[in-house]
Amino acid sequence: MKKPSYKNNDTPVLDNIQNWLEEEISNYALIHTEDLDDIENEQIVRSLSWSRGTSEFFIVISPTGGIRGFSNKIPRDLLVQCHNTISELLFKIIEEESTETKTY
């Protein structure tokens, strides 16, 4: 069975988001990741499992930077850190693209 074309594009984007999150979030450890096929939206989403002490939490992100789901008891600070880090990454990408496309 042939892989849908969106799978080829989504994985590198999710890798970049994951790397950015790992670099910026230091008070939780990323212990497991899993790519999930979102057939309805024709994209791959990634589940990221984080731990702190003996507690584990997950968050699911899309290649567009959206948070698609998370653990019921996820700490607010982890959720906020993920959101802020993804937003920062997206703004950085937008800023880089806008400076590259300016013509004077």
N, C-alpha and C. Protein backbone atom coordinates (compact mmCIF):
# COMPACT_ATOMS: atom_id res chain seq x y z
N MET A 1 0.83 -1.17 0.00
CA MET A 1 0.00 0.00 0.00
C MET A 1 0.88 1.25 0.00
N LYS A 2 0.59 2.19 -0.87
CA LYS A 2 1.37 3.41 -1.00
C LYS A 2 1.02 4.39 0.12
N LYS A 3 2.07 5.04 0.68
CA LYS A 3 1.85 6.03 1.72
C LYS A 3 1.22 7.27 1.12
N PRO A 4 0.22 7.85 1.76
CA PRO A 4 -0.32 9.12 1.27
C PRO A 4 0.76 10.19 1.25
N SER A 5 0.67 11.12 0.31
CA SER A 5 1.73 12.12 0.13
C SER A 5 1.89 13.05 1.32
N TYR A 6 0.82 13.29 2.08
CA TYR A 6 0.96 14.20 3.21
C TYR A 6 1.92 13.67 4.26
N LYS A 7 2.06 12.35 4.34
CA LYS A 7 2.96 11.77 5.34
C LYS A 7 4.40 12.21 5.10
N ASN A 8 4.78 12.35 3.84
CA ASN A 8 6.14 12.75 3.51
C ASN A 8 6.43 14.18 3.95
N ASN A 9 5.42 15.04 3.95
CA ASN A 9 5.62 16.44 4.29
C ASN A 9 5.46 16.72 5.78
N ASP A 10 4.61 15.97 6.44
CA ASP A 10 4.31 16.26 7.85
C ASP A 10 5.42 15.86 8.80
N THR A 11 6.08 14.76 8.55
CA THR A 11 7.07 14.25 9.49
C THR A 11 8.23 15.22 9.73
N PRO A 12 8.84 15.82 8.70
CA PRO A 12 9.93 16.76 8.98
C PRO A 12 9.47 17.99 9.76
N VAL A 13 8.27 18.44 9.52
CA VAL A 13 7.74 19.59 10.26
C VAL A 13 7.56 19.22 11.73
N LEU A 14 6.99 18.05 11.97
CA LEU A 14 6.81 17.59 13.35
C LEU A 14 8.15 17.37 14.04
N ASP A 15 9.15 16.91 13.30
CA ASP A 15 10.50 16.75 13.86
C ASP A 15 11.04 18.09 14.34
N ASN A 16 10.85 19.14 13.52
CA ASN A 16 11.33 20.48 13.90
C ASN A 16 10.61 21.00 15.12
N ILE A 17 9.29 20.83 15.18
CA ILE A 17 8.53 21.27 16.35
C ILE A 17 8.99 20.51 17.59
N GLN A 18 9.16 19.21 17.45
CA GLN A 18 9.62 18.39 18.58
C GLN A 18 10.99 18.84 19.07
N ASN A 19 11.92 19.07 18.15
CA ASN A 19 13.26 19.50 18.53
C ASN A 19 13.22 20.83 19.27
N TRP A 20 12.40 21.75 18.78
CA TRP A 20 12.26 23.07 19.40
C TRP A 20 11.71 22.92 20.82
N LEU A 21 10.68 22.07 20.97
CA LEU A 21 10.10 21.85 22.30
C LEU A 21 11.12 21.23 23.25
N GLU A 22 11.87 20.26 22.77
CA GLU A 22 12.88 19.61 23.62
C GLU A 22 13.95 20.59 24.09
N GLU A 23 14.33 21.52 23.21
CA GLU A 23 15.35 22.50 23.58
C GLU A 23 14.83 23.51 24.59
N GLU A 24 13.58 23.90 24.45
CA GLU A 24 13.05 24.99 25.26
C GLU A 24 12.43 24.55 26.58
N ILE A 25 11.96 23.34 26.67
CA ILE A 25 11.30 22.88 27.90
C ILE A 25 12.29 22.03 28.69
N SER A 26 12.76 22.59 29.79
CA SER A 26 13.82 21.90 30.54
C SER A 26 13.33 21.29 31.86
N ASN A 27 12.14 21.63 32.30
CA ASN A 27 11.68 21.11 33.59
C ASN A 27 10.80 19.86 33.44
N TYR A 28 10.68 19.33 32.22
CA TYR A 28 10.03 18.06 31.94
C TYR A 28 10.93 17.30 30.98
N ALA A 29 10.89 15.99 31.04
CA ALA A 29 11.70 15.16 30.14
C ALA A 29 10.78 14.54 29.09
N LEU A 30 11.17 14.66 27.83
CA LEU A 30 10.43 13.99 26.75
C LEU A 30 10.87 12.53 26.75
N ILE A 31 9.91 11.63 27.00
CA ILE A 31 10.29 10.23 27.17
C ILE A 31 9.82 9.33 26.02
N HIS A 32 8.84 9.80 25.25
CA HIS A 32 8.33 8.95 24.17
C HIS A 32 7.57 9.81 23.16
N THR A 33 7.71 9.44 21.89
CA THR A 33 6.93 10.09 20.83
C THR A 33 6.29 9.01 19.96
N GLU A 34 5.17 9.36 19.38
CA GLU A 34 4.50 8.43 18.48
C GLU A 34 3.75 9.23 17.42
N ASP A 35 3.98 8.89 16.17
CA ASP A 35 3.24 9.52 15.09
C ASP A 35 1.92 8.77 14.88
N LEU A 36 0.85 9.54 14.74
CA LEU A 36 -0.48 8.98 14.56
C LEU A 36 -1.06 9.49 13.25
N ASP A 37 -1.74 8.64 12.53
CA ASP A 37 -2.32 8.99 11.24
C ASP A 37 -3.72 9.58 11.46
N ASP A 38 -3.86 10.86 11.18
CA ASP A 38 -5.17 11.53 11.27
C ASP A 38 -5.78 11.52 9.88
N ILE A 39 -6.50 10.47 9.59
CA ILE A 39 -7.06 10.27 8.25
C ILE A 39 -8.09 11.35 7.92
N GLU A 40 -8.89 11.73 8.91
CA GLU A 40 -9.94 12.72 8.68
C GLU A 40 -9.38 14.05 8.19
N ASN A 41 -8.27 14.47 8.76
CA ASN A 41 -7.64 15.74 8.37
C ASN A 41 -6.47 15.55 7.41
N GLU A 42 -6.25 14.32 7.01
CA GLU A 42 -5.16 13.96 6.09
C GLU A 42 -3.83 14.54 6.53
N GLN A 43 -3.46 14.19 7.76
CA GLN A 43 -2.17 14.62 8.26
C GLN A 43 -1.69 13.64 9.33
N ILE A 44 -0.42 13.74 9.61
CA ILE A 44 0.18 13.00 10.71
C ILE A 44 0.21 13.95 11.90
N VAL A 45 -0.14 13.45 13.06
CA VAL A 45 0.01 14.21 14.29
C VAL A 45 0.98 13.45 15.18
N ARG A 46 1.58 14.15 16.11
CA ARG A 46 2.58 13.49 16.96
C ARG A 46 2.18 13.61 18.42
N SER A 47 2.18 12.47 19.10
CA SER A 47 1.96 12.43 20.53
C SER A 47 3.32 12.50 21.21
N LEU A 48 3.46 13.43 22.13
CA LEU A 48 4.69 13.62 22.89
C LEU A 48 4.40 13.31 24.35
N SER A 49 5.10 12.35 24.91
CA SER A 49 4.93 11.99 26.32
C SER A 49 6.05 12.62 27.13
N TRP A 50 5.65 13.39 28.14
CA TRP A 50 6.58 14.10 29.00
C TRP A 50 6.49 13.53 30.41
N SER A 51 7.59 13.57 31.13
CA SER A 51 7.55 13.13 32.53
C SER A 51 8.22 14.17 33.42
N ARG A 52 7.77 14.13 34.65
CA ARG A 52 8.39 14.94 35.71
C ARG A 52 8.21 14.14 36.98
N GLY A 53 9.31 13.72 37.56
CA GLY A 53 9.22 12.83 38.72
C GLY A 53 8.61 11.51 38.28
N THR A 54 7.57 11.09 38.95
CA THR A 54 6.91 9.83 38.59
C THR A 54 5.65 10.04 37.75
N SER A 55 5.38 11.28 37.41
CA SER A 55 4.17 11.60 36.64
C SER A 55 4.48 11.68 35.15
N GLU A 56 3.53 11.21 34.33
CA GLU A 56 3.66 11.28 32.88
C GLU A 56 2.43 11.97 32.30
N PHE A 57 2.67 12.76 31.25
CA PHE A 57 1.62 13.51 30.58
C PHE A 57 1.87 13.45 29.08
N PHE A 58 0.81 13.58 28.29
CA PHE A 58 1.01 13.62 26.85
C PHE A 58 0.33 14.83 26.26
N ILE A 59 0.84 15.24 25.12
CA ILE A 59 0.26 16.31 24.33
C ILE A 59 0.37 15.89 22.87
N VAL A 60 -0.64 16.16 22.08
CA VAL A 60 -0.64 15.80 20.66
C VAL A 60 -0.60 17.08 19.84
N ILE A 61 0.38 17.16 18.93
CA ILE A 61 0.53 18.36 18.10
C ILE A 61 0.35 18.01 16.63
N SER A 62 -0.10 19.00 15.88
CA SER A 62 -0.25 18.83 14.43
C SER A 62 0.91 19.53 13.73
N PRO A 63 1.12 19.24 12.45
CA PRO A 63 2.21 19.89 11.73
C PRO A 63 1.99 21.40 11.52
N THR A 64 0.78 21.88 11.78
CA THR A 64 0.53 23.31 11.68
C THR A 64 0.78 24.01 13.02
N GLY A 65 1.21 23.25 14.02
CA GLY A 65 1.51 23.82 15.33
C GLY A 65 0.34 23.79 16.29
N GLY A 66 -0.77 23.23 15.88
CA GLY A 66 -1.93 23.16 16.75
C GLY A 66 -1.80 22.07 17.79
N ILE A 67 -2.37 22.33 18.95
CA ILE A 67 -2.43 21.32 20.00
C ILE A 67 -3.75 20.59 19.83
N ARG A 68 -3.68 19.33 19.46
CA ARG A 68 -4.87 18.55 19.11
C ARG A 68 -5.45 17.78 20.28
N GLY A 69 -4.69 17.61 21.34
CA GLY A 69 -5.17 16.90 22.51
C GLY A 69 -4.10 16.86 23.57
N PHE A 70 -4.51 16.51 24.80
CA PHE A 70 -3.56 16.41 25.90
C PHE A 70 -4.18 15.63 27.03
N SER A 71 -3.33 15.22 27.96
CA SER A 71 -3.77 14.47 29.14
C SER A 71 -4.76 15.30 29.95
N ASN A 72 -5.69 14.60 30.59
CA ASN A 72 -6.67 15.30 31.44
C ASN A 72 -6.02 16.08 32.57
N LYS A 73 -4.98 15.53 33.14
CA LYS A 73 -4.35 16.16 34.30
C LYS A 73 -3.01 16.80 33.96
N ILE A 74 -2.86 17.25 32.72
CA ILE A 74 -1.60 17.88 32.32
C ILE A 74 -1.41 19.18 33.13
N PRO A 75 -0.22 19.39 33.65
CA PRO A 75 0.02 20.64 34.38
C PRO A 75 -0.11 21.85 33.45
N ARG A 76 -0.69 22.89 33.97
CA ARG A 76 -0.86 24.10 33.16
C ARG A 76 0.46 24.63 32.65
N ASP A 77 1.50 24.56 33.48
CA ASP A 77 2.78 25.11 33.05
C ASP A 77 3.35 24.35 31.86
N LEU A 78 3.14 23.04 31.78
CA LEU A 78 3.61 22.28 30.62
C LEU A 78 2.80 22.66 29.38
N LEU A 79 1.51 22.78 29.53
CA LEU A 79 0.66 23.16 28.40
C LEU A 79 1.01 24.56 27.91
N VAL A 80 1.21 25.48 28.82
CA VAL A 80 1.57 26.86 28.46
C VAL A 80 2.95 26.89 27.79
N GLN A 81 3.90 26.13 28.34
CA GLN A 81 5.23 26.09 27.74
C GLN A 81 5.18 25.55 26.30
N CYS A 82 4.40 24.49 26.08
CA CYS A 82 4.27 23.94 24.73
C CYS A 82 3.65 24.97 23.80
N HIS A 83 2.56 25.59 24.25
CA HIS A 83 1.88 26.59 23.42
C HIS A 83 2.81 27.76 23.09
N ASN A 84 3.46 28.30 24.10
CA ASN A 84 4.33 29.46 23.88
C ASN A 84 5.52 29.12 23.00
N THR A 85 6.08 27.94 23.18
CA THR A 85 7.23 27.53 22.38
C THR A 85 6.83 27.33 20.92
N ILE A 86 5.70 26.70 20.68
CA ILE A 86 5.22 26.51 19.30
C ILE A 86 4.91 27.86 18.67
N SER A 87 4.27 28.76 19.42
CA SER A 87 3.96 30.10 18.89
C SER A 87 5.23 30.85 18.54
N GLU A 88 6.22 30.77 19.41
CA GLU A 88 7.51 31.43 19.17
C GLU A 88 8.16 30.89 17.89
N LEU A 89 8.12 29.58 17.72
CA LEU A 89 8.69 28.96 16.52
C LEU A 89 7.95 29.44 15.27
N LEU A 90 6.63 29.45 15.31
CA LEU A 90 5.85 29.88 14.15
C LEU A 90 6.13 31.35 13.81
N PHE A 91 6.19 32.22 14.82
CA PHE A 91 6.50 33.62 14.57
C PHE A 91 7.91 33.79 14.01
N LYS A 92 8.84 32.98 14.48
CA LYS A 92 10.21 33.04 13.96
C LYS A 92 10.23 32.65 12.48
N ILE A 93 9.49 31.63 12.12
CA ILE A 93 9.42 31.19 10.72
C ILE A 93 8.79 32.28 9.86
N ILE A 94 7.69 32.85 10.34
CA ILE A 94 7.01 33.92 9.60
C ILE A 94 7.94 35.12 9.41
N GLU A 95 8.65 35.48 10.46
CA GLU A 95 9.57 36.62 10.39
C GLU A 95 10.69 36.36 9.39
N GLU A 96 11.25 35.15 9.41
CA GLU A 96 12.32 34.81 8.47
C GLU A 96 11.81 34.85 7.03
N GLU A 97 10.62 34.32 6.81
CA GLU A 97 10.06 34.32 5.46
C GLU A 97 9.73 35.72 4.98
N SER A 98 9.26 36.58 5.87
CA SER A 98 8.91 37.94 5.45
C SER A 98 10.15 38.76 5.12
N THR A 99 11.26 38.52 5.81
CA THR A 99 12.48 39.27 5.49
C THR A 99 13.12 38.74 4.20
N GLU A 100 12.90 37.48 3.89
CA GLU A 100 13.46 36.92 2.66
C GLU A 100 12.68 37.36 1.42
N THR A 101 11.39 37.66 1.57
CA THR A 101 10.56 37.97 0.40
C THR A 101 10.38 39.47 0.17
N LYS A 102 10.93 40.30 1.05
CA LYS A 102 10.80 41.74 0.86
C LYS A 102 11.61 42.18 -0.35
N THR A 103 11.01 43.02 -1.16
CA THR A 103 11.72 43.62 -2.28
C THR A 103 11.57 45.12 -2.20
N TYR A 104 12.67 45.81 -2.32
CA TYR A 104 12.66 47.28 -2.22
C TYR A 104 13.10 47.87 -3.52
